[in-house]
Each structure stands twice: as structure tokens, then as C-alpha cells.
Amino acid sequence: MKRRDFIKVTGLGVAGAATTIAAPAIAQSMPEIKWRMTTSWPKSLDTLHGGAEQMAKAVGEATDNKFQIQTFAAGEIVPGLQVLDAVQNGTVELGHTASYYYFGKDPTFTFGSSVPFGPNMRLNQAWYTLGGGKEVLNEFYKNYNVTSLLAGNTGCQMGGWFRKEINTVNDLQGLKFRIGGFAGRVMQKLGAVPQQLAGGDIYPALEKGTIDAAEWVGPYDDEKLGLYKVAPHYYYPGWWEGGPMLLAMVNLDKWNALPKHYQNVLEQAGHYANNWMMAKYDAVNPMALRKLLAGGAKLHAFSPPIMEASLKAAKELHSEVAATNENFKKVYESMTAFSNNGYQWFQVAELGYDIFMARHAQG
């Protein structure tokens, strides 16, 4: 064989061999995967459910649609309060939800969203991302065959809609208050009667007087329910949700089976959804509040005595639960140490600046 012919043959052989070896490697790193994600939200809540849609879209775009996630609103596969169960048992691979919905299984679930008088939006995010929150929460979640990814935050929520003014702690006695999750147990300590109602049932219950008050989220989402028409007194702040996270719960077996590249894409898509949701609420809540006030809503701050009594009751409850629940105690100590340290910094520059700017923005 001539040297030139040998080079041509071996050159083609090497090229062919490289193609044969490389193609399966690429295919294995970018397999076609289709997942389903159910959420705890109706489609009408375009910021909460929209966060899940943003996450799914980001995953598809980052993988040239090799990794596709189809989103389903509450009730399309399972009811909104059964998202964790659906992910845990493998009915779906992924769920977008509020962890505190499942506090009945274990009070520790409340930390994955917001604990009464817990950290604000930024500190909650910082604790989860860099302060050990993700690690202690996922250590707990693995008992339920799930792991979590950050996927949203509403910011500090409102204190709710009341048919009459609430000025003193005594005004809470016997008050039938639609309030979700762990915070209801704090309200019980103050004499209120917590009620658990789905969003669509709140308006008729307030209108008929079946309940006296109800909390939901904040101006943008609250306006859609029309609660100001039957309960005009709008209170703030929602001390039970100072900065509630929303998490993407992933079936642990499915997560472990994902290629590392897809795990990274999914996690980054969750961060994108988180940032998008925070920005969206900051953009739409101011105008929504103006519309509510123009429609007859009356804005009130909870009185200092009510806030102090609520804080005292919350701390008592946290201590009681921590005394008998090691998981709760471990996560509570991690979160509290981080947020206390964070607030010492916030009051130095952030708080002073925000108060100054808010005061001058009134003009």
C-alpha cells in the first residue's frame, strides 16, 4: 500500500472511529426526558402558577427541549394540597408547592415556606441558599422520598381581610379566621378560631358571615378574589409569612437518576423562577393596592399590642414543638441563628435607607 493511500484510509478510519465514539457520549449526556409537574395553584394565579411555568420553560430552552416538563394546575392531576404525596409516590416527578401545607404530617414542613415571625424574603433565600437551610431541609425531606429546589417567594404577605376593625388582642377572641397551616395554631393561642378554606370558598364564607376574616397572599392576588367587597378592613403585615419560599419538590429516585447536567439545569431554572416571581410581585402589588383602596378597602396596621402578643404566642409554640420534635428543633435553630444575625446587619444600613426612602416617596 502506498503511503498516501495509507494516510487516507487511516484518516477516514480515525474520523469514523471518533464519530462512533462521540455520538453515543453526546446522546447519553442529553437524553430525551419528559416529566410532569403538578402545582398547588389554579392557573388564574398567574404569578404562583406562572412561576412553575417559567421554571419548566427555562429547562426546555436550556436543553434544546431534550428535557421537557409539562405543568399541571391544581386539580388537573391531584388536588393542590396533595402535591407532596403525588411526588413522594411517583405519580408525578415534580411538584411546585408551599411546604407548610403539609405541617400536619410534621410541623418541620413549615420551614420550607415560612414560620410565624420567620425571616423576610431576602434572609429566607439567603438561609436556604448559603446558610445551611437547603441542607437541613433536604435531610428532613428525604424521609418523604423528595428533595427540594428553590422556586419562588411572594415577599411579605398581608395580614388579611376583616369584616370589622381589630384594635386589641381581645378583639381576636372567638374570631373565625381563615388562615392556613401552622400559623393557625398561633392564632388559637390568642383566642381566634382558625378555619381552613380553599381560595374559591373564601368570598361566600365572608359574605354569609360563616367566617369573620381571611388571609390570602397580597394585593395582586387578593384583588382577584374581591374580598374587599365583603370585608373592607385590610391589615398588615402578615407576620406568619414574612418571606415565604415556594419550593419545587422532586421525587428523590427521579432526581438521583437525572444526568448531572440536567440536575444543574433544573436547579438553575428554579432560581430563575424564584427571581422572576419576586420581581413580578414587586412590580404588580403597588398598583393592585391602589386599586383596592380606590375600591373601598381600608388599610390598617396591626396594633403594637397585637404584634407583641402574636410574637409571644409564636415563640411559645415554637418552643413547645421543638421540645418534642428533633427535626423541628434542628431546622428552627439553624434558621433562627441565621436570621437573627442577618437582622443585626439589616438595621444598620438597609432598614435606615428603606425607611428614609419610603418616607420621601409619599410626596
Protein backbone atom coordinates (compact mmCIF):
# COMPACT_ATOMS: atom_id res chain seq x y z
CA MET A 1 0.00 0.00 0.00
CA LYS A 2 1.27 3.46 -0.89
CA ARG A 3 1.96 5.87 1.95
CA ARG A 4 -0.63 8.38 0.61
CA ASP A 5 -3.31 5.72 0.40
CA PHE A 6 -2.45 4.50 3.90
CA ILE A 7 -2.87 8.04 5.29
CA LYS A 8 -6.24 8.45 3.53
CA VAL A 9 -7.53 5.13 4.80
CA THR A 10 -6.31 5.58 8.36
CA GLY A 11 -7.51 9.19 8.37
CA LEU A 12 -11.01 8.11 7.48
CA GLY A 13 -10.76 5.32 9.98
CA VAL A 14 -9.83 7.66 12.79
CA ALA A 15 -12.57 10.10 11.86
CA GLY A 16 -15.09 7.31 11.68
CA ALA A 17 -13.96 5.92 14.99
CA ALA A 18 -14.21 9.33 16.60
CA THR A 19 -17.73 9.74 15.29
CA THR A 20 -18.70 6.31 16.53
CA ILE A 21 -17.36 7.01 19.99
CA ALA A 22 -18.52 10.62 20.37
CA ALA A 23 -22.13 10.28 19.23
CA PRO A 24 -23.25 7.90 21.99
CA ALA A 25 -21.46 10.07 24.59
CA ILE A 26 -23.37 13.15 23.47
CA ALA A 27 -26.63 11.22 23.33
CA GLN A 28 -26.11 9.90 26.83
CA SER A 29 -25.42 13.38 28.23
CA MET A 30 -28.52 14.86 26.57
CA PRO A 31 -31.17 12.13 26.70
CA GLU A 32 -34.79 12.91 25.91
CA ILE A 33 -36.72 13.07 29.19
CA LYS A 34 -40.33 14.10 29.78
CA TRP A 35 -41.53 14.97 33.26
CA ARG A 36 -44.80 16.20 34.71
CA MET A 37 -45.02 18.95 37.32
CA THR A 38 -48.22 19.48 39.31
CA THR A 39 -48.74 22.67 41.29
CA SER A 40 -50.79 23.78 44.26
CA TRP A 41 -52.16 26.75 42.29
CA PRO A 42 -55.01 27.42 39.88
CA LYS A 43 -53.98 28.89 36.54
CA SER A 44 -55.73 32.14 37.49
CA LEU A 45 -52.93 32.83 39.97
CA ASP A 46 -50.58 33.73 37.17
CA THR A 47 -47.67 34.61 39.46
CA LEU A 48 -47.73 31.49 41.63
CA HIS A 49 -48.60 29.03 38.86
CA GLY A 50 -46.66 31.24 36.47
CA GLY A 51 -43.51 30.58 38.46
CA ALA A 52 -43.84 26.87 37.76
CA GLU A 53 -44.38 27.59 34.07
CA GLN A 54 -41.30 29.82 33.99
CA MET A 55 -39.24 27.03 35.55
CA ALA A 56 -40.44 24.45 33.03
CA LYS A 57 -39.83 26.82 30.12
CA ALA A 58 -36.27 27.56 31.28
CA VAL A 59 -35.45 23.85 31.49
CA GLY A 60 -36.68 23.26 27.94
CA GLU A 61 -34.79 26.20 26.49
CA ALA A 62 -31.54 25.23 28.22
CA THR A 63 -31.64 21.67 26.88
CA ASP A 64 -32.93 22.30 23.36
CA ASN A 65 -36.17 20.66 24.56
CA LYS A 66 -34.41 17.40 25.30
CA PHE A 67 -35.65 17.74 28.89
CA GLN A 68 -39.33 18.70 28.80
CA ILE A 69 -41.55 19.45 31.81
CA GLN A 70 -45.31 19.72 31.40
CA THR A 71 -47.07 21.76 34.09
CA PHE A 72 -50.49 20.98 35.55
CA ALA A 73 -52.57 23.28 37.72
CA ALA A 74 -54.16 22.21 40.98
CA GLY A 75 -56.88 19.64 40.41
CA GLU A 76 -55.76 18.57 36.95
CA ILE A 77 -53.84 15.56 38.29
CA VAL A 78 -54.22 15.84 42.06
CA PRO A 79 -55.75 18.47 44.39
CA GLY A 80 -53.49 21.38 45.29
CA LEU A 81 -52.86 20.16 48.83
CA GLN A 82 -51.75 16.70 47.68
CA VAL A 83 -48.73 17.76 45.62
CA LEU A 84 -46.23 16.34 48.10
CA ASP A 85 -47.98 12.98 48.15
CA ALA A 86 -48.06 12.82 44.34
CA VAL A 87 -44.31 13.49 44.14
CA GLN A 88 -43.49 11.15 47.00
CA ASN A 89 -45.28 8.17 45.48
CA GLY A 90 -44.09 8.86 41.92
CA THR A 91 -47.43 9.88 40.41
CA VAL A 92 -45.50 12.90 39.09
CA GLU A 93 -41.80 13.60 39.07
CA LEU A 94 -42.01 17.19 40.25
CA GLY A 95 -44.32 19.48 42.22
CA HIS A 96 -44.46 23.25 42.82
CA THR A 97 -45.96 23.93 46.23
CA ALA A 98 -45.76 25.54 49.67
CA SER A 99 -44.07 23.21 52.13
CA TYR A 100 -46.15 24.40 55.10
CA TYR A 101 -49.29 22.90 53.57
CA TYR A 102 -48.03 19.58 54.92
CA PHE A 103 -47.32 20.62 58.51
CA GLY A 104 -49.98 18.11 59.60
CA LYS A 105 -47.54 15.35 58.66
CA ASP A 106 -44.76 17.02 60.65
CA PRO A 107 -44.50 20.66 61.84
CA THR A 108 -40.99 20.77 60.35
CA PHE A 109 -42.57 21.20 56.92
CA THR A 110 -43.44 24.78 57.79
CA PHE A 111 -39.79 25.91 57.48
CA GLY A 112 -39.73 25.15 53.76
CA SER A 113 -42.13 28.07 53.32
CA SER A 114 -42.37 30.39 56.29
CA VAL A 115 -42.61 30.02 60.04
CA PRO A 116 -44.51 32.70 62.02
CA PHE A 117 -42.15 35.62 62.65
CA GLY A 118 -39.54 33.96 60.46
CA PRO A 119 -37.08 35.75 58.15
CA ASN A 120 -38.05 38.13 55.40
CA MET A 121 -37.79 37.28 51.72
CA ARG A 122 -34.10 38.03 51.29
CA LEU A 123 -32.97 36.39 54.51
CA ASN A 124 -35.08 33.30 53.85
CA GLN A 125 -33.49 32.98 50.43
CA ALA A 126 -30.00 33.55 51.85
CA TRP A 127 -30.55 30.97 54.60
CA TYR A 128 -31.79 28.36 52.13
CA THR A 129 -29.08 29.04 49.55
CA LEU A 130 -25.95 29.77 51.59
CA GLY A 131 -26.87 29.45 55.26
CA GLY A 132 -27.40 25.71 55.53
CA GLY A 133 -31.16 25.80 55.02
CA LYS A 134 -31.20 23.67 51.90
CA GLU A 135 -29.09 21.00 53.57
CA VAL A 136 -31.12 20.69 56.78
CA LEU A 137 -34.42 20.80 54.90
CA ASN A 138 -33.41 18.18 52.34
CA GLU A 139 -32.11 15.95 55.11
CA PHE A 140 -35.64 16.10 56.52
CA TYR A 141 -37.41 15.82 53.14
CA LYS A 142 -35.57 12.62 52.21
CA ASN A 143 -37.73 10.86 54.81
CA TYR A 144 -40.59 11.51 52.39
CA ASN A 145 -38.64 10.44 49.27
CA VAL A 146 -38.31 14.01 47.95
CA THR A 147 -35.67 16.68 47.63
CA SER A 148 -36.26 20.40 47.21
CA LEU A 149 -35.18 23.23 44.91
CA LEU A 150 -35.81 26.93 45.46
CA ALA A 151 -38.57 28.03 43.07
CA GLY A 152 -40.32 31.19 44.28
CA ASN A 153 -41.13 33.69 47.01
CA THR A 154 -44.12 36.04 47.44
CA GLY A 155 -42.39 38.53 49.70
CA CYS A 156 -44.04 39.63 52.94
CA GLN A 157 -47.75 38.90 52.75
CA MET A 158 -50.68 40.90 54.04
CA GLY A 159 -52.48 40.24 57.32
CA GLY A 160 -55.84 39.65 55.71
CA TRP A 161 -59.36 40.97 55.31
CA PHE A 162 -61.61 41.61 58.31
CA ARG A 163 -65.31 42.39 58.46
CA LYS A 164 -64.72 44.72 61.42
CA GLU A 165 -61.74 46.57 62.86
CA ILE A 166 -59.32 44.66 65.10
CA ASN A 167 -57.72 47.02 67.59
CA THR A 168 -56.88 44.94 70.65
CA VAL A 169 -55.93 41.37 71.48
CA ASN A 170 -59.40 40.93 73.00
CA ASP A 171 -60.90 41.58 69.56
CA LEU A 172 -59.37 38.27 68.44
CA GLN A 173 -61.41 36.24 70.93
CA GLY A 174 -63.73 33.90 69.04
CA LEU A 175 -62.77 35.42 65.69
CA LYS A 176 -63.35 32.87 62.93
CA PHE A 177 -60.28 33.43 60.79
CA ARG A 178 -59.43 31.66 57.54
CA ILE A 179 -55.71 31.16 57.98
CA GLY A 180 -53.58 28.33 56.66
CA GLY A 181 -51.24 25.91 58.31
CA PHE A 182 -49.03 26.31 61.35
CA ALA A 183 -49.94 29.98 61.92
CA GLY A 184 -53.46 28.89 62.81
CA ARG A 185 -52.07 27.28 65.95
CA VAL A 186 -50.57 30.62 66.98
CA MET A 187 -53.92 32.34 66.43
CA GLN A 188 -55.57 29.72 68.61
CA LYS A 189 -53.35 30.77 71.48
CA LEU A 190 -54.74 34.29 71.08
CA GLY A 191 -58.34 33.09 71.17
CA ALA A 192 -59.13 33.02 67.44
CA VAL A 193 -60.75 30.06 65.72
CA PRO A 194 -58.70 29.14 62.63
CA GLN A 195 -60.55 27.87 59.56
CA GLN A 196 -59.10 26.05 56.55
CA LEU A 197 -60.83 27.03 53.31
CA ALA A 198 -59.86 26.83 49.65
CA GLY A 199 -59.47 30.14 47.84
CA GLY A 200 -62.74 29.84 45.94
CA ASP A 201 -64.71 29.34 49.16
CA ILE A 202 -63.45 32.42 51.00
CA TYR A 203 -65.71 35.08 49.43
CA PRO A 204 -69.06 33.33 50.07
CA ALA A 205 -67.98 32.42 53.62
CA LEU A 206 -67.16 36.06 54.39
CA GLU A 207 -70.32 37.28 52.69
CA LYS A 208 -72.53 34.95 54.74
CA GLY A 209 -70.65 35.61 57.97
CA THR A 210 -69.55 31.99 58.28
CA ILE A 211 -66.08 33.43 58.90
CA ASP A 212 -65.10 36.88 60.21
CA ALA A 213 -61.77 37.33 58.46
CA ALA A 214 -59.47 35.72 55.91
CA GLU A 215 -55.86 35.98 54.79
CA TRP A 216 -54.73 35.13 51.29
CA VAL A 217 -51.49 36.49 49.79
CA GLY A 218 -51.18 40.16 48.91
CA PRO A 219 -52.81 42.92 46.84
CA TYR A 220 -52.29 41.42 43.37
CA ASP A 221 -53.72 38.00 44.21
CA ASP A 222 -56.24 39.30 46.77
CA GLU A 223 -57.84 41.68 44.28
CA LYS A 224 -58.88 38.74 42.12
CA LEU A 225 -60.94 37.31 44.97
CA GLY A 226 -62.89 40.55 45.55
CA LEU A 227 -62.71 40.18 49.33
CA TYR A 228 -62.74 43.95 49.93
CA LYS A 229 -66.42 44.00 48.95
CA VAL A 230 -67.46 41.95 52.00
CA ALA A 231 -64.57 42.50 54.44
CA PRO A 232 -63.21 46.01 53.84
CA HIS A 233 -60.58 46.21 56.61
CA TYR A 234 -57.22 45.22 55.13
CA TYR A 235 -54.49 44.58 57.71
CA TYR A 236 -50.72 44.27 57.53
CA PRO A 237 -48.22 42.74 57.99
CA GLY A 238 -48.84 39.01 57.62
CA TRP A 239 -46.40 38.11 60.38
CA TRP A 240 -46.94 34.43 59.68
CA GLU A 241 -45.46 34.84 56.18
CA GLY A 242 -42.66 37.38 56.32
CA GLY A 243 -40.92 35.95 53.25
CA PRO A 244 -42.43 32.57 52.30
CA MET A 245 -40.44 30.40 49.93
CA LEU A 246 -42.07 28.20 47.32
CA LEU A 247 -40.20 25.03 46.53
CA ALA A 248 -40.04 22.56 43.68
CA MET A 249 -40.33 19.13 45.30
CA VAL A 250 -38.58 16.45 43.25
CA ASN A 251 -39.06 12.71 43.63
CA LEU A 252 -35.76 11.59 45.13
CA ASP A 253 -35.39 8.49 42.94
CA LYS A 254 -36.07 10.50 39.79
CA TRP A 255 -33.63 13.20 40.92
CA ASN A 256 -30.85 10.72 41.55
CA ALA A 257 -31.42 9.16 38.12
CA LEU A 258 -31.05 12.50 36.28
CA PRO A 259 -27.77 13.23 34.50
CA LYS A 260 -25.73 15.73 36.49
CA HIS A 261 -26.11 18.29 33.73
CA TYR A 262 -29.90 18.08 33.95
CA GLN A 263 -29.79 18.38 37.74
CA ASN A 264 -27.86 21.62 37.35
CA VAL A 265 -30.25 22.91 34.70
CA LEU A 266 -33.27 22.11 36.88
CA GLU A 267 -31.75 23.83 39.91
CA GLN A 268 -30.83 26.95 37.94
CA ALA A 269 -34.30 27.05 36.38
CA GLY A 270 -35.72 27.06 39.91
CA HIS A 271 -33.53 30.05 40.80
CA TYR A 272 -34.75 31.83 37.68
CA ALA A 273 -38.38 31.18 38.66
CA ASN A 274 -37.61 32.42 42.16
CA ASN A 275 -36.16 35.70 40.90
CA TRP A 276 -38.95 36.12 38.36
CA MET A 277 -41.66 35.68 40.98
CA MET A 278 -40.11 38.12 43.43
CA ALA A 279 -39.74 40.72 40.70
CA LYS A 280 -43.28 40.14 39.43
CA TYR A 281 -44.86 40.67 42.85
CA ASP A 282 -42.78 43.80 43.43
CA ALA A 283 -43.95 45.10 40.05
CA VAL A 284 -47.69 44.38 40.36
CA ASN A 285 -48.52 44.77 44.07
CA PRO A 286 -48.24 48.60 44.24
CA MET A 287 -50.82 49.22 41.52
CA ALA A 288 -53.10 46.47 42.86
CA LEU A 289 -53.09 48.07 46.32
CA ARG A 290 -54.03 51.45 44.83
CA LYS A 291 -56.95 49.81 43.02
CA LEU A 292 -58.12 48.11 46.21
CA LEU A 293 -58.03 51.37 48.17
CA ALA A 294 -59.88 53.15 45.37
CA GLY A 295 -62.50 50.38 45.55
CA GLY A 296 -63.20 50.97 49.23
CA ALA A 297 -60.61 48.88 51.08
CA LYS A 298 -59.47 50.42 54.38
CA LEU A 299 -55.79 49.87 55.17
CA HIS A 300 -54.72 49.25 58.80
CA ALA A 301 -51.57 48.17 60.58
CA PHE A 302 -51.92 45.56 63.30
CA SER A 303 -51.54 47.41 66.60
CA PRO A 304 -48.26 47.03 68.56
CA PRO A 305 -50.06 45.10 71.36
CA ILE A 306 -51.42 42.59 68.83
CA MET A 307 -47.99 42.19 67.20
CA GLU A 308 -46.25 41.69 70.56
CA ALA A 309 -48.87 39.19 71.76
CA SER A 310 -48.61 37.30 68.49
CA LEU A 311 -44.81 37.15 68.74
CA LYS A 312 -45.02 35.87 72.32
CA ALA A 313 -47.55 33.18 71.33
CA ALA A 314 -45.43 32.13 68.32
CA LYS A 315 -42.28 31.75 70.40
CA GLU A 316 -44.20 29.68 72.96
CA LEU A 317 -45.50 27.38 70.24
CA HIS A 318 -42.07 27.02 68.64
CA SER A 319 -40.55 26.05 71.99
CA GLU A 320 -43.33 23.55 72.72
CA VAL A 321 -42.90 21.81 69.37
CA ALA A 322 -39.09 21.87 69.49
CA ALA A 323 -39.18 20.16 72.90
CA THR A 324 -40.74 17.02 71.38
CA ASN A 325 -39.62 17.13 67.72
CA GLU A 326 -35.89 16.87 66.97
CA ASN A 327 -36.32 17.65 63.26
CA PHE A 328 -38.22 20.84 64.08
CA LYS A 329 -35.64 21.85 66.69
CA LYS A 330 -32.70 21.33 64.33
CA VAL A 331 -34.16 23.38 61.48
CA TYR A 332 -35.54 26.07 63.81
CA GLU A 333 -32.14 26.62 65.43
CA SER A 334 -30.44 26.83 62.03
CA MET A 335 -32.94 29.34 60.64
CA THR A 336 -33.16 31.46 63.80
CA ALA A 337 -29.39 31.82 64.22
CA PHE A 338 -29.02 32.87 60.59
CA SER A 339 -31.92 35.35 60.56
CA ASN A 340 -31.01 36.95 63.91
CA ASN A 341 -27.52 37.60 62.57
CA GLY A 342 -28.97 38.93 59.32
CA TYR A 343 -31.32 41.37 61.03
CA GLN A 344 -28.43 42.85 63.01
CA TRP A 345 -26.95 43.86 59.66
CA PHE A 346 -30.25 44.91 58.09
CA GLN A 347 -30.91 47.52 60.79
CA VAL A 348 -27.53 49.16 60.18
CA ALA A 349 -27.92 50.24 56.56
CA GLU A 350 -30.81 48.53 54.76
CA LEU A 351 -33.57 49.44 57.21
CA GLY A 352 -32.42 53.00 57.69
CA TYR A 353 -32.22 53.59 53.96
CA ASP A 354 -35.60 51.96 53.24
CA ILE A 355 -37.36 53.98 55.95
CA PHE A 356 -35.85 57.21 54.64
CA MET A 357 -36.77 56.46 51.02
CA ALA A 358 -40.27 55.23 51.88
CA ARG A 359 -40.95 58.42 53.84
CA HIS A 360 -39.86 60.63 50.97
CA ALA A 361 -41.73 58.53 48.40
CA GLN A 362 -45.01 59.68 49.98
CA GLY A 363 -44.79 63.09 48.40
